[in-house]
Amino acid sequence: MNIFRRNLVKILIALPLLALLSLPASALSLGQAKAQGLVGETPSGYLAAVKPSSAVNALIKDINGKRKAAYQNIAKKNGQPLSTVQQLAGQKAINNTPAGQYVKVGGSWKKK
């Protein structure tokens, strides 16, 4: 249990770094998409389209690909299942979503 707790702490510390992976070229686009209510955070740790379009889907594919790579790296480093890292990241992303943006709760989109 103690090893699990230490690994969990490492995962929780690493999760904020995931936000940095989304910053380079698409940060403004992601911010705009969230502010316009086009995309939202899900419990799975990934973005999903609130209002789908080809541009929104391309953005989601790019960001989610980066997130998955980061989640896999964190899971491997901490000896945790990928699903655990995804779930923790999803909860953290939902908790950190500002008012006015969308999150998926219980299978439905909710504006925070």
PDB file of N, CA and C in Angstrom:
ATOM      1  N   MET A   1       0.828  -1.190   0.000  1.00  0.00           N
ATOM      2  CA  MET A   1       0.000   0.000   0.000  1.00  0.00           C
ATOM      3  C   MET A   1       0.873   1.254   0.000  1.00  0.00           C
ATOM      4  N   ASN A   2       1.968   1.215   0.729  1.00  0.00           N
ATOM      5  CA  ASN A   2       2.849   2.366   0.816  1.00  0.00           C
ATOM      6  C   ASN A   2       3.473   2.686  -0.541  1.00  0.00           C
ATOM      7  N   ILE A   3       3.852   1.652  -1.287  1.00  0.00           N
ATOM      8  CA  ILE A   3       4.421   1.852  -2.621  1.00  0.00           C
ATOM      9  C   ILE A   3       3.365   2.455  -3.542  1.00  0.00           C
ATOM     10  N   PHE A   4       2.153   1.929  -3.459  1.00  0.00           N
ATOM     11  CA  PHE A   4       1.067   2.471  -4.277  1.00  0.00           C
ATOM     12  C   PHE A   4       0.845   3.947  -3.955  1.00  0.00           C
ATOM     13  N   ARG A   5       0.846   4.296  -2.691  1.00  0.00           N
ATOM     14  CA  ARG A   5       0.629   5.691  -2.280  1.00  0.00           C
ATOM     15  C   ARG A   5       1.732   6.594  -2.830  1.00  0.00           C
ATOM     16  N   ARG A   6       2.986   6.144  -2.749  1.00  0.00           N
ATOM     17  CA  ARG A   6       4.088   6.940  -3.302  1.00  0.00           C
ATOM     18  C   ARG A   6       3.944   7.120  -4.802  1.00  0.00           C
ATOM     19  N   ASN A   7       3.575   6.052  -5.502  1.00  0.00           N
ATOM     20  CA  ASN A   7       3.380   6.138  -6.948  1.00  0.00           C
ATOM     21  C   ASN A   7       2.217   7.049  -7.285  1.00  0.00           C
ATOM     22  N   LEU A   8       1.173   6.999  -6.503  1.00  0.00           N
ATOM     23  CA  LEU A   8       0.019   7.852  -6.723  1.00  0.00           C
ATOM     24  C   LEU A   8       0.408   9.318  -6.556  1.00  0.00           C
ATOM     25  N   VAL A   9       1.210   9.604  -5.560  1.00  0.00           N
ATOM     26  CA  VAL A   9       1.687  10.976  -5.354  1.00  0.00           C
ATOM     27  C   VAL A   9       2.511  11.435  -6.563  1.00  0.00           C
ATOM     28  N   LYS A  10       3.365  10.566  -7.080  1.00  0.00           N
ATOM     29  CA  LYS A  10       4.159  10.912  -8.260  1.00  0.00           C
ATOM     30  C   LYS A  10       3.258  11.210  -9.454  1.00  0.00           C
ATOM     31  N   ILE A  11       2.218  10.403  -9.607  1.00  0.00           N
ATOM     32  CA  ILE A  11       1.284  10.609 -10.714  1.00  0.00           C
ATOM     33  C   ILE A  11       0.597  11.962 -10.564  1.00  0.00           C
ATOM     34  N   LEU A  12       0.135  12.257  -9.370  1.00  0.00           N
ATOM     35  CA  LEU A  12      -0.573  13.518  -9.145  1.00  0.00           C
ATOM     36  C   LEU A  12       0.336  14.728  -9.349  1.00  0.00           C
ATOM     37  N   ILE A  13       1.599  14.564  -9.034  1.00  0.00           N
ATOM     38  CA  ILE A  13       2.553  15.651  -9.263  1.00  0.00           C
ATOM     39  C   ILE A  13       2.816  15.830 -10.749  1.00  0.00           C
ATOM     40  N   ALA A  14       2.855  14.732 -11.490  1.00  0.00           N
ATOM     41  CA  ALA A  14       3.156  14.797 -12.923  1.00  0.00           C
ATOM     42  C   ALA A  14       1.990  15.306 -13.758  1.00  0.00           C
ATOM     43  N   LEU A  15       0.777  15.166 -13.277  1.00  0.00           N
ATOM     44  CA  LEU A  15      -0.387  15.536 -14.084  1.00  0.00           C
ATOM     45  C   LEU A  15      -0.397  17.001 -14.530  1.00  0.00           C
ATOM     46  N   PRO A  16      -0.023  17.954 -13.680  1.00  0.00           N
ATOM     47  CA  PRO A  16      -0.014  19.343 -14.169  1.00  0.00           C
ATOM     48  C   PRO A  16       0.930  19.554 -15.357  1.00  0.00           C
ATOM     49  N   LEU A  17       1.947  18.730 -15.437  1.00  0.00           N
ATOM     50  CA  LEU A  17       2.882  18.846 -16.554  1.00  0.00           C
ATOM     51  C   LEU A  17       2.222  18.488 -17.874  1.00  0.00           C
ATOM     52  N   LEU A  18       1.166  17.698 -17.813  1.00  0.00           N
ATOM     53  CA  LEU A  18       0.461  17.310 -19.032  1.00  0.00           C
ATOM     54  C   LEU A  18      -0.135  18.521 -19.735  1.00  0.00           C
ATOM     55  N   ALA A  19      -0.557  19.486 -18.959  1.00  0.00           N
ATOM     56  CA  ALA A  19      -1.131  20.688 -19.559  1.00  0.00           C
ATOM     57  C   ALA A  19      -0.100  21.379 -20.457  1.00  0.00           C
ATOM     58  N   LEU A  20       1.152  21.294 -20.079  1.00  0.00           N
ATOM     59  CA  LEU A  20       2.205  21.925 -20.872  1.00  0.00           C
ATOM     60  C   LEU A  20       2.363  21.276 -22.240  1.00  0.00           C
ATOM     61  N   LEU A  21       1.995  20.006 -22.349  1.00  0.00           N
ATOM     62  CA  LEU A  21       2.119  19.319 -23.630  1.00  0.00           C
ATOM     63  C   LEU A  21       1.169  19.881 -24.674  1.00  0.00           C
ATOM     64  N   SER A  22       0.128  20.529 -24.232  1.00  0.00           N
ATOM     65  CA  SER A  22      -0.861  21.073 -25.150  1.00  0.00           C
ATOM     66  C   SER A  22      -0.516  22.488 -25.589  1.00  0.00           C
ATOM     67  N   LEU A  23       0.517  23.075 -25.029  1.00  0.00           N
ATOM     68  CA  LEU A  23       0.785  24.478 -25.258  1.00  0.00           C
ATOM     69  C   LEU A  23       1.419  24.859 -26.590  1.00  0.00           C
ATOM     70  N   PRO A  24       2.369  24.147 -27.135  1.00  0.00           N
ATOM     71  CA  PRO A  24       3.138  24.685 -28.251  1.00  0.00           C
ATOM     72  C   PRO A  24       2.349  25.393 -29.348  1.00  0.00           C
ATOM     73  N   ALA A  25       1.969  24.716 -30.379  1.00  0.00           N
ATOM     74  CA  ALA A  25       1.342  25.392 -31.513  1.00  0.00           C
ATOM     75  C   ALA A  25      -0.154  25.547 -31.346  1.00  0.00           C
ATOM     76  N   SER A  26      -0.778  24.660 -30.606  1.00  0.00           N
ATOM     77  CA  SER A  26      -2.230  24.668 -30.581  1.00  0.00           C
ATOM     78  C   SER A  26      -2.835  25.268 -29.321  1.00  0.00           C
ATOM     79  N   ALA A  27      -2.024  25.868 -28.444  1.00  0.00           N
ATOM     80  CA  ALA A  27      -2.556  26.374 -27.183  1.00  0.00           C
ATOM     81  C   ALA A  27      -3.661  27.393 -27.408  1.00  0.00           C
ATOM     82  N   LEU A  28      -3.444  28.335 -28.278  1.00  0.00           N
ATOM     83  CA  LEU A  28      -4.453  29.358 -28.534  1.00  0.00           C
ATOM     84  C   LEU A  28      -5.698  28.718 -29.123  1.00  0.00           C
ATOM     85  N   SER A  29      -5.533  27.802 -30.033  1.00  0.00           N
ATOM     86  CA  SER A  29      -6.680  27.136 -30.633  1.00  0.00           C
ATOM     87  C   SER A  29      -7.449  26.319 -29.599  1.00  0.00           C
ATOM     88  N   LEU A  30      -6.740  25.630 -28.710  1.00  0.00           N
ATOM     89  CA  LEU A  30      -7.407  24.860 -27.673  1.00  0.00           C
ATOM     90  C   LEU A  30      -8.156  25.804 -26.735  1.00  0.00           C
ATOM     91  N   GLY A  31      -7.504  26.880 -26.344  1.00  0.00           N
ATOM     92  CA  GLY A  31      -8.153  27.858 -25.469  1.00  0.00           C
ATOM     93  C   GLY A  31      -9.395  28.449 -26.108  1.00  0.00           C
ATOM     94  N   GLN A  32      -9.297  28.775 -27.381  1.00  0.00           N
ATOM     95  CA  GLN A  32     -10.452  29.313 -28.095  1.00  0.00           C
ATOM     96  C   GLN A  32     -11.568  28.284 -28.188  1.00  0.00           C
ATOM     97  N   ALA A  33     -11.196  27.054 -28.488  1.00  0.00           N
ATOM     98  CA  ALA A  33     -12.200  25.994 -28.624  1.00  0.00           C
ATOM     99  C   ALA A  33     -12.931  25.765 -27.302  1.00  0.00           C
ATOM    100  N   LYS A  34     -12.195  25.790 -26.209  1.00  0.00           N
ATOM    101  CA  LYS A  34     -12.828  25.620 -24.902  1.00  0.00           C
ATOM    102  C   LYS A  34     -13.707  26.828 -24.570  1.00  0.00           C
ATOM    103  N   ALA A  35     -13.188  28.025 -24.802  1.00  0.00           N
ATOM    104  CA  ALA A  35     -13.939  29.249 -24.493  1.00  0.00           C
ATOM    105  C   ALA A  35     -15.212  29.363 -25.323  1.00  0.00           C
ATOM    106  N   GLN A  36     -15.177  28.851 -26.537  1.00  0.00           N
ATOM    107  CA  GLN A  36     -16.344  28.911 -27.424  1.00  0.00           C
ATOM    108  C   GLN A  36     -17.304  27.738 -27.217  1.00  0.00           C
ATOM    109  N   GLY A  37     -16.962  26.850 -26.290  1.00  0.00           N
ATOM    110  CA  GLY A  37     -17.830  25.716 -26.009  1.00  0.00           C
ATOM    111  C   GLY A  37     -17.816  24.643 -27.079  1.00  0.00           C
ATOM    112  N   LEU A  38     -16.720  24.553 -27.822  1.00  0.00           N
ATOM    113  CA  LEU A  38     -16.614  23.562 -28.895  1.00  0.00           C
ATOM    114  C   LEU A  38     -16.086  22.218 -28.397  1.00  0.00           C
ATOM    115  N   VAL A  39     -15.242  22.253 -27.360  1.00  0.00           N
ATOM    116  CA  VAL A  39     -14.665  21.035 -26.789  1.00  0.00           C
ATOM    117  C   VAL A  39     -14.800  21.091 -25.274  1.00  0.00           C
ATOM    118  N   GLY A  40     -14.723  19.913 -24.668  1.00  0.00           N
ATOM    119  CA  GLY A  40     -14.786  19.840 -23.218  1.00  0.00           C
ATOM    120  C   GLY A  40     -13.956  18.679 -22.703  1.00  0.00           C
ATOM    121  N   GLU A  41     -13.747  18.695 -21.398  1.00  0.00           N
ATOM    122  CA  GLU A  41     -12.978  17.634 -20.741  1.00  0.00           C
ATOM    123  C   GLU A  41     -13.900  16.487 -20.361  1.00  0.00           C
ATOM    124  N   THR A  42     -13.349  15.281 -20.375  1.00  0.00           N
ATOM    125  CA  THR A  42     -14.119  14.089 -20.033  1.00  0.00           C
ATOM    126  C   THR A  42     -13.433  13.326 -18.894  1.00  0.00           C
ATOM    127  N   PRO A  43     -14.171  12.462 -18.204  1.00  0.00           N
ATOM    128  CA  PRO A  43     -13.570  11.667 -17.125  1.00  0.00           C
ATOM    129  C   PRO A  43     -12.474  10.719 -17.594  1.00  0.00           C
ATOM    130  N   SER A  44     -12.406  10.468 -18.890  1.00  0.00           N
ATOM    131  CA  SER A  44     -11.389   9.562 -19.427  1.00  0.00           C
ATOM    132  C   SER A  44     -10.018  10.212 -19.552  1.00  0.00           C
ATOM    133  N   GLY A  45      -9.941  11.526 -19.293  1.00  0.00           N
ATOM    134  CA  GLY A  45      -8.662  12.223 -19.410  1.00  0.00           C
ATOM    135  C   GLY A  45      -8.421  12.810 -20.787  1.00  0.00           C
ATOM    136  N   TYR A  46      -9.420  12.717 -21.645  1.00  0.00           N
ATOM    137  CA  TYR A  46      -9.276  13.209 -23.010  1.00  0.00           C
ATOM    138  C   TYR A  46     -10.338  14.258 -23.320  1.00  0.00           C
ATOM    139  N   LEU A  47     -10.050  15.051 -24.347  1.00  0.00           N
ATOM    140  CA  LEU A  47     -11.019  16.017 -24.847  1.00  0.00           C
ATOM    141  C   LEU A  47     -12.047  15.309 -25.705  1.00  0.00           C
ATOM    142  N   ALA A  48     -13.220  15.917 -25.793  1.00  0.00           N
ATOM    143  CA  ALA A  48     -14.242  15.428 -26.724  1.00  0.00           C
ATOM    144  C   ALA A  48     -14.963  16.645 -27.281  1.00  0.00           C
ATOM    145  N   ALA A  49     -15.592  16.461 -28.431  1.00  0.00           N
ATOM    146  CA  ALA A  49     -16.292  17.553 -29.104  1.00  0.00           C
ATOM    147  C   ALA A  49     -17.664  17.775 -28.472  1.00  0.00           C
ATOM    148  N   VAL A  50     -17.934  19.028 -28.117  1.00  0.00           N
ATOM    149  CA  VAL A  50     -19.267  19.427 -27.690  1.00  0.00           C
ATOM    150  C   VAL A  50     -20.064  19.774 -28.945  1.00  0.00           C
ATOM    151  N   LYS A  51     -19.389  20.479 -29.859  1.00  0.00           N
ATOM    152  CA  LYS A  51     -19.965  20.853 -31.152  1.00  0.00           C
ATOM    153  C   LYS A  51     -18.968  20.422 -32.230  1.00  0.00           C
ATOM    154  N   PRO A  52     -19.132  19.219 -32.757  1.00  0.00           N
ATOM    155  CA  PRO A  52     -18.146  18.673 -33.697  1.00  0.00           C
ATOM    156  C   PRO A  52     -18.069  19.429 -35.026  1.00  0.00           C
ATOM    157  N   SER A  53     -16.870  19.480 -35.554  1.00  0.00           N
ATOM    158  CA  SER A  53     -16.586  19.977 -36.901  1.00  0.00           C
ATOM    159  C   SER A  53     -15.249  19.368 -37.295  1.00  0.00           C
ATOM    160  N   SER A  54     -14.866  19.526 -38.530  1.00  0.00           N
ATOM    161  CA  SER A  54     -13.586  18.941 -38.949  1.00  0.00           C
ATOM    162  C   SER A  54     -12.417  19.615 -38.228  1.00  0.00           C
ATOM    163  N   ALA A  55     -12.487  20.926 -38.024  1.00  0.00           N
ATOM    164  CA  ALA A  55     -11.407  21.633 -37.318  1.00  0.00           C
ATOM    165  C   ALA A  55     -11.345  21.204 -35.853  1.00  0.00           C
ATOM    166  N   VAL A  56     -12.496  21.077 -35.220  1.00  0.00           N
ATOM    167  CA  VAL A  56     -12.549  20.641 -33.822  1.00  0.00           C
ATOM    168  C   VAL A  56     -12.025  19.219 -33.705  1.00  0.00           C
ATOM    169  N   ASN A  57     -12.447  18.344 -34.590  1.00  0.00           N
ATOM    170  CA  ASN A  57     -11.984  16.957 -34.551  1.00  0.00           C
ATOM    171  C   ASN A  57     -10.481  16.846 -34.758  1.00  0.00           C
ATOM    172  N   ALA A  58      -9.915  17.677 -35.621  1.00  0.00           N
ATOM    173  CA  ALA A  58      -8.462  17.668 -35.849  1.00  0.00           C
ATOM    174  C   ALA A  58      -7.725  18.125 -34.592  1.00  0.00           C
ATOM    175  N   LEU A  59      -8.239  19.163 -33.951  1.00  0.00           N
ATOM    176  CA  LEU A  59      -7.632  19.663 -32.714  1.00  0.00           C
ATOM    177  C   LEU A  59      -7.677  18.585 -31.633  1.00  0.00           C
ATOM    178  N   ILE A  60      -8.826  17.948 -31.483  1.00  0.00           N
ATOM    179  CA  ILE A  60      -8.992  16.896 -30.479  1.00  0.00           C
ATOM    180  C   ILE A  60      -8.032  15.745 -30.743  1.00  0.00           C
ATOM    181  N   LYS A  61      -7.927  15.335 -31.982  1.00  0.00           N
ATOM    182  CA  LYS A  61      -7.026  14.229 -32.331  1.00  0.00           C
ATOM    183  C   LYS A  61      -5.583  14.568 -31.957  1.00  0.00           C
ATOM    184  N   ASP A  62      -5.156  15.791 -32.241  1.00  0.00           N
ATOM    185  CA  ASP A  62      -3.802  16.228 -31.930  1.00  0.00           C
ATOM    186  C   ASP A  62      -3.551  16.250 -30.420  1.00  0.00           C
ATOM    187  N   ILE A  63      -4.422  16.909 -29.693  1.00  0.00           N
ATOM    188  CA  ILE A  63      -4.237  17.044 -28.240  1.00  0.00           C
ATOM    189  C   ILE A  63      -4.343  15.686 -27.555  1.00  0.00           C
ATOM    190  N   ASN A  64      -5.344  14.898 -27.931  1.00  0.00           N
ATOM    191  CA  ASN A  64      -5.523  13.592 -27.288  1.00  0.00           C
ATOM    192  C   ASN A  64      -4.367  12.643 -27.578  1.00  0.00           C
ATOM    193  N   GLY A  65      -3.782  12.747 -28.756  1.00  0.00           N
ATOM    194  CA  GLY A  65      -2.606  11.936 -29.066  1.00  0.00           C
ATOM    195  C   GLY A  65      -1.437  12.274 -28.152  1.00  0.00           C
ATOM    196  N   LYS A  66      -1.237  13.556 -27.915  1.00  0.00           N
ATOM    197  CA  LYS A  66      -0.168  14.000 -27.006  1.00  0.00           C
ATOM    198  C   LYS A  66      -0.462  13.581 -25.574  1.00  0.00           C
ATOM    199  N   ARG A  67      -1.719  13.708 -25.189  1.00  0.00           N
ATOM    200  CA  ARG A  67      -2.088  13.306 -23.835  1.00  0.00           C
ATOM    201  C   ARG A  67      -1.860  11.803 -23.638  1.00  0.00           C
ATOM    202  N   LYS A  68      -2.272  11.008 -24.599  1.00  0.00           N
ATOM    203  CA  LYS A  68      -2.117   9.560 -24.450  1.00  0.00           C
ATOM    204  C   LYS A  68      -0.645   9.178 -24.306  1.00  0.00           C
ATOM    205  N   ALA A  69       0.206   9.792 -25.107  1.00  0.00           N
ATOM    206  CA  ALA A  69       1.641   9.507 -25.007  1.00  0.00           C
ATOM    207  C   ALA A  69       2.162   9.876 -23.612  1.00  0.00           C
ATOM    208  N   ALA A  70       1.718  11.008 -23.097  1.00  0.00           N
ATOM    209  CA  ALA A  70       2.145  11.435 -21.767  1.00  0.00           C
ATOM    210  C   ALA A  70       1.609  10.491 -20.692  1.00  0.00           C
ATOM    211  N   TYR A  71       0.351  10.101 -20.813  1.00  0.00           N
ATOM    212  CA  TYR A  71      -0.237   9.179 -19.840  1.00  0.00           C
ATOM    213  C   TYR A  71       0.507   7.845 -19.841  1.00  0.00           C
ATOM    214  N   GLN A  72       0.841   7.350 -21.029  1.00  0.00           N
ATOM    215  CA  GLN A  72       1.570   6.084 -21.120  1.00  0.00           C
ATOM    216  C   GLN A  72       2.929   6.190 -20.449  1.00  0.00           C
ATOM    217  N   ASN A  73       3.597   7.310 -20.643  1.00  0.00           N
ATOM    218  CA  ASN A  73       4.903   7.536 -20.032  1.00  0.00           C
ATOM    219  C   ASN A  73       4.784   7.577 -18.507  1.00  0.00           C
ATOM    220  N   ILE A  74       3.799   8.298 -18.000  1.00  0.00           N
ATOM    221  CA  ILE A  74       3.598   8.389 -16.546  1.00  0.00           C
ATOM    222  C   ILE A  74       3.254   7.015 -15.979  1.00  0.00           C
ATOM    223  N   ALA A  75       2.380   6.287 -16.654  1.00  0.00           N
ATOM    224  CA  ALA A  75       1.985   4.959 -16.180  1.00  0.00           C
ATOM    225  C   ALA A  75       3.195   4.025 -16.111  1.00  0.00           C
ATOM    226  N   LYS A  76       4.015   4.055 -17.152  1.00  0.00           N
ATOM    227  CA  LYS A  76       5.190   3.188 -17.192  1.00  0.00           C
ATOM    228  C   LYS A  76       6.176   3.551 -16.089  1.00  0.00           C
ATOM    229  N   LYS A  77       6.448   4.846 -15.927  1.00  0.00           N
ATOM    230  CA  LYS A  77       7.405   5.291 -14.904  1.00  0.00           C
ATOM    231  C   LYS A  77       6.956   4.938 -13.496  1.00  0.00           C
ATOM    232  N   ASN A  78       5.653   4.916 -13.266  1.00  0.00           N
ATOM    233  CA  ASN A  78       5.131   4.702 -11.920  1.00  0.00           C
ATOM    234  C   ASN A  78       4.560   3.306 -11.709  1.00  0.00           C
ATOM    235  N   GLY A  79       4.677   2.450 -12.714  1.00  0.00           N
ATOM    236  CA  GLY A  79       4.196   1.087 -12.573  1.00  0.00           C
ATOM    237  C   GLY A  79       2.695   1.007 -12.329  1.00  0.00           C
ATOM    238  N   GLN A  80       1.956   1.908 -12.939  1.00  0.00           N
ATOM    239  CA  GLN A  80       0.509   1.949 -12.781  1.00  0.00           C
ATOM    240  C   GLN A  80      -0.168   1.632 -14.104  1.00  0.00           C
ATOM    241  N   PRO A  81      -1.386   1.121 -14.055  1.00  0.00           N
ATOM    242  CA  PRO A  81      -2.116   0.883 -15.302  1.00  0.00           C
ATOM    243  C   PRO A  81      -2.440   2.207 -15.997  1.00  0.00           C
ATOM    244  N   LEU A  82      -2.448   2.189 -17.308  1.00  0.00           N
ATOM    245  CA  LEU A  82      -2.788   3.375 -18.081  1.00  0.00           C
ATOM    246  C   LEU A  82      -4.151   3.909 -17.664  1.00  0.00           C
ATOM    247  N   SER A  83      -5.091   3.019 -17.428  1.00  0.00           N
ATOM    248  CA  SER A  83      -6.447   3.445 -17.060  1.00  0.00           C
ATOM    249  C   SER A  83      -6.471   4.252 -15.769  1.00  0.00           C
ATOM    250  N   THR A  84      -5.594   3.941 -14.830  1.00  0.00           N
ATOM    251  CA  THR A  84      -5.523   4.693 -13.576  1.00  0.00           C
ATOM    252  C   THR A  84      -5.050   6.115 -13.840  1.00  0.00           C
ATOM    253  N   VAL A  85      -4.021   6.250 -14.651  1.00  0.00           N
ATOM    254  CA  VAL A  85      -3.491   7.575 -14.977  1.00  0.00           C
ATOM    255  C   VAL A  85      -4.542   8.384 -15.743  1.00  0.00           C
ATOM    256  N   GLN A  86      -5.211   7.754 -16.700  1.00  0.00           N
ATOM    257  CA  GLN A  86      -6.244   8.446 -17.476  1.00  0.00           C
ATOM    258  C   GLN A  86      -7.361   8.947 -16.560  1.00  0.00           C
ATOM    259  N   GLN A  87      -7.794   8.101 -15.651  1.00  0.00           N
ATOM    260  CA  GLN A  87      -8.887   8.464 -14.751  1.00  0.00           C
ATOM    261  C   GLN A  87      -8.476   9.613 -13.832  1.00  0.00           C
ATOM    262  N   LEU A  88      -7.273   9.561 -13.278  1.00  0.00           N
ATOM    263  CA  LEU A  88      -6.794  10.642 -12.418  1.00  0.00           C
ATOM    264  C   LEU A  88      -6.668  11.948 -13.194  1.00  0.00           C
ATOM    265  N   ALA A  89      -6.149  11.852 -14.408  1.00  0.00           N
ATOM    266  CA  ALA A  89      -5.992  13.046 -15.240  1.00  0.00           C
ATOM    267  C   ALA A  89      -7.356  13.632 -15.607  1.00  0.00           C
ATOM    268  N   GLY A  90      -8.310  12.766 -15.921  1.00  0.00           N
ATOM    269  CA  GLY A  90      -9.651  13.233 -16.261  1.00  0.00           C
ATOM    270  C   GLY A  90     -10.306  13.964 -15.113  1.00  0.00           C
ATOM    271  N   GLN A  91     -10.196  13.396 -13.914  1.00  0.00           N
ATOM    272  CA  GLN A  91     -10.790  14.045 -12.745  1.00  0.00           C
ATOM    273  C   GLN A  91     -10.128  15.379 -12.468  1.00  0.00           C
ATOM    274  N   LYS A  92      -8.816  15.416 -12.598  1.00  0.00           N
ATOM    275  CA  LYS A  92      -8.083  16.667 -12.353  1.00  0.00           C
ATOM    276  C   LYS A  92      -8.464  17.719 -13.401  1.00  0.00           C
ATOM    277  N   ALA A  93      -8.568  17.309 -14.663  1.00  0.00           N
ATOM    278  CA  ALA A  93      -8.936  18.254 -15.724  1.00  0.00           C
ATOM    279  C   ALA A  93     -10.341  18.803 -15.493  1.00  0.00           C
ATOM    280  N   ILE A  94     -11.257  17.937 -15.096  1.00  0.00           N
ATOM    281  CA  ILE A  94     -12.623  18.385 -14.827  1.00  0.00           C
ATOM    282  C   ILE A  94     -12.639  19.349 -13.636  1.00  0.00           C
ATOM    283  N   ASN A  95     -11.918  18.997 -12.586  1.00  0.00           N
ATOM    284  CA  ASN A  95     -11.862  19.872 -11.410  1.00  0.00           C
ATOM    285  C   ASN A  95     -11.254  21.228 -11.731  1.00  0.00           C
ATOM    286  N   ASN A  96     -10.287  21.261 -12.651  1.00  0.00           N
ATOM    287  CA  ASN A  96      -9.593  22.506 -12.985  1.00  0.00           C
ATOM    288  C   ASN A  96     -10.248  23.292 -14.116  1.00  0.00           C
ATOM    289  N   THR A  97     -11.314  22.777 -14.683  1.00  0.00           N
ATOM    290  CA  THR A  97     -11.999  23.483 -15.763  1.00  0.00           C
ATOM    291  C   THR A  97     -12.683  24.720 -15.203  1.00  0.00           C
ATOM    292  N   PRO A  98     -12.419  25.871 -15.797  1.00  0.00           N
ATOM    293  CA  PRO A  98     -13.025  27.101 -15.285  1.00  0.00           C
ATOM    294  C   PRO A  98     -14.526  27.186 -15.573  1.00  0.00           C
ATOM    295  N   ALA A  99     -15.194  28.026 -14.824  1.00  0.00           N
ATOM    296  CA  ALA A  99     -16.622  28.267 -15.028  1.00  0.00           C
ATOM    297  C   ALA A  99     -16.852  28.727 -16.469  1.00  0.00           C
ATOM    298  N   GLY A 100     -17.953  28.266 -17.035  1.00  0.00           N
ATOM    299  CA  GLY A 100     -18.309  28.650 -18.399  1.00  0.00           C
ATOM    300  C   GLY A 100     -17.847  27.686 -19.460  1.00  0.00           C
ATOM    301  N   GLN A 101     -16.978  26.731 -19.088  1.00  0.00           N
ATOM    302  CA  GLN A 101     -16.519  25.726 -20.037  1.00  0.00           C
ATOM    303  C   GLN A 101     -17.214  24.402 -19.758  1.00  0.00           C
ATOM    304  N   TYR A 102     -17.130  23.482 -20.732  1.00  0.00           N
ATOM    305  CA  TYR A 102     -17.877  22.235 -20.655  1.00  0.00           C
ATOM    306  C   TYR A 102     -17.064  21.074 -20.108  1.00  0.00           C
ATOM    307  N   VAL A 103     -17.755  20.248 -19.337  1.00  0.00           N
ATOM    308  CA  VAL A 103     -17.214  18.986 -18.835  1.00  0.00           C
ATOM    309  C   VAL A 103     -18.283  17.920 -19.033  1.00  0.00           C
ATOM    310  N   LYS A 104     -17.846  16.692 -19.223  1.00  0.00           N
ATOM    311  CA  LYS A 104     -18.801  15.595 -19.390  1.00  0.00           C
ATOM    312  C   LYS A 104     -18.945  14.903 -18.038  1.00  0.00           C
ATOM    313  N   VAL A 105     -20.159  14.915 -17.523  1.00  0.00           N
ATOM    314  CA  VAL A 105     -20.459  14.313 -16.228  1.00  0.00           C
ATOM    315  C   VAL A 105     -21.654  13.383 -16.408  1.00  0.00           C
ATOM    316  N   GLY A 106     -21.479  12.132 -16.030  1.00  0.00           N
ATOM    317  CA  GLY A 106     -22.565  11.175 -16.155  1.00  0.00           C
ATOM    318  C   GLY A 106     -23.036  10.982 -17.583  1.00  0.00           C
ATOM    319  N   GLY A 107     -22.127  11.151 -18.534  1.00  0.00           N
ATOM    320  CA  GLY A 107     -22.462  10.947 -19.939  1.00  0.00           C
ATOM    321  C   GLY A 107     -23.070  12.147 -20.641  1.00  0.00           C
ATOM    322  N   SER A 108     -23.258  13.243 -19.915  1.00  0.00           N
ATOM    323  CA  SER A 108     -23.857  14.450 -20.509  1.00  0.00           C
ATOM    324  C   SER A 108     -22.932  15.645 -20.342  1.00  0.00           C
ATOM    325  N   TRP A 109     -23.000  16.553 -21.299  1.00  0.00           N
ATOM    326  CA  TRP A 109     -22.213  17.784 -21.211  1.00  0.00           C
ATOM    327  C   TRP A 109     -22.877  18.741 -20.233  1.00  0.00           C
ATOM    328  N   LYS A 110     -22.054  19.310 -19.354  1.00  0.00           N
ATOM    329  CA  LYS A 110     -22.517  20.301 -18.383  1.00  0.00           C
ATOM    330  C   LYS A 110     -21.612  21.516 -18.482  1.00  0.00           C
ATOM    331  N   LYS A 111     -22.210  22.689 -18.468  1.00  0.00           N
ATOM    332  CA  LYS A 111     -21.435  23.920 -18.442  1.00  0.00           C
ATOM    333  C   LYS A 111     -21.134  24.222 -16.983  1.00  0.00           C
ATOM    334  N   LYS A 112     -19.852  24.358 -16.673  1.00  0.00           N
ATOM    335  CA  LYS A 112     -19.449  24.620 -15.283  1.00  0.00           C
ATOM    336  C   LYS A 112     -19.812  26.031 -14.878  1.00  0.00           C
TER     337      LYS A 112
END
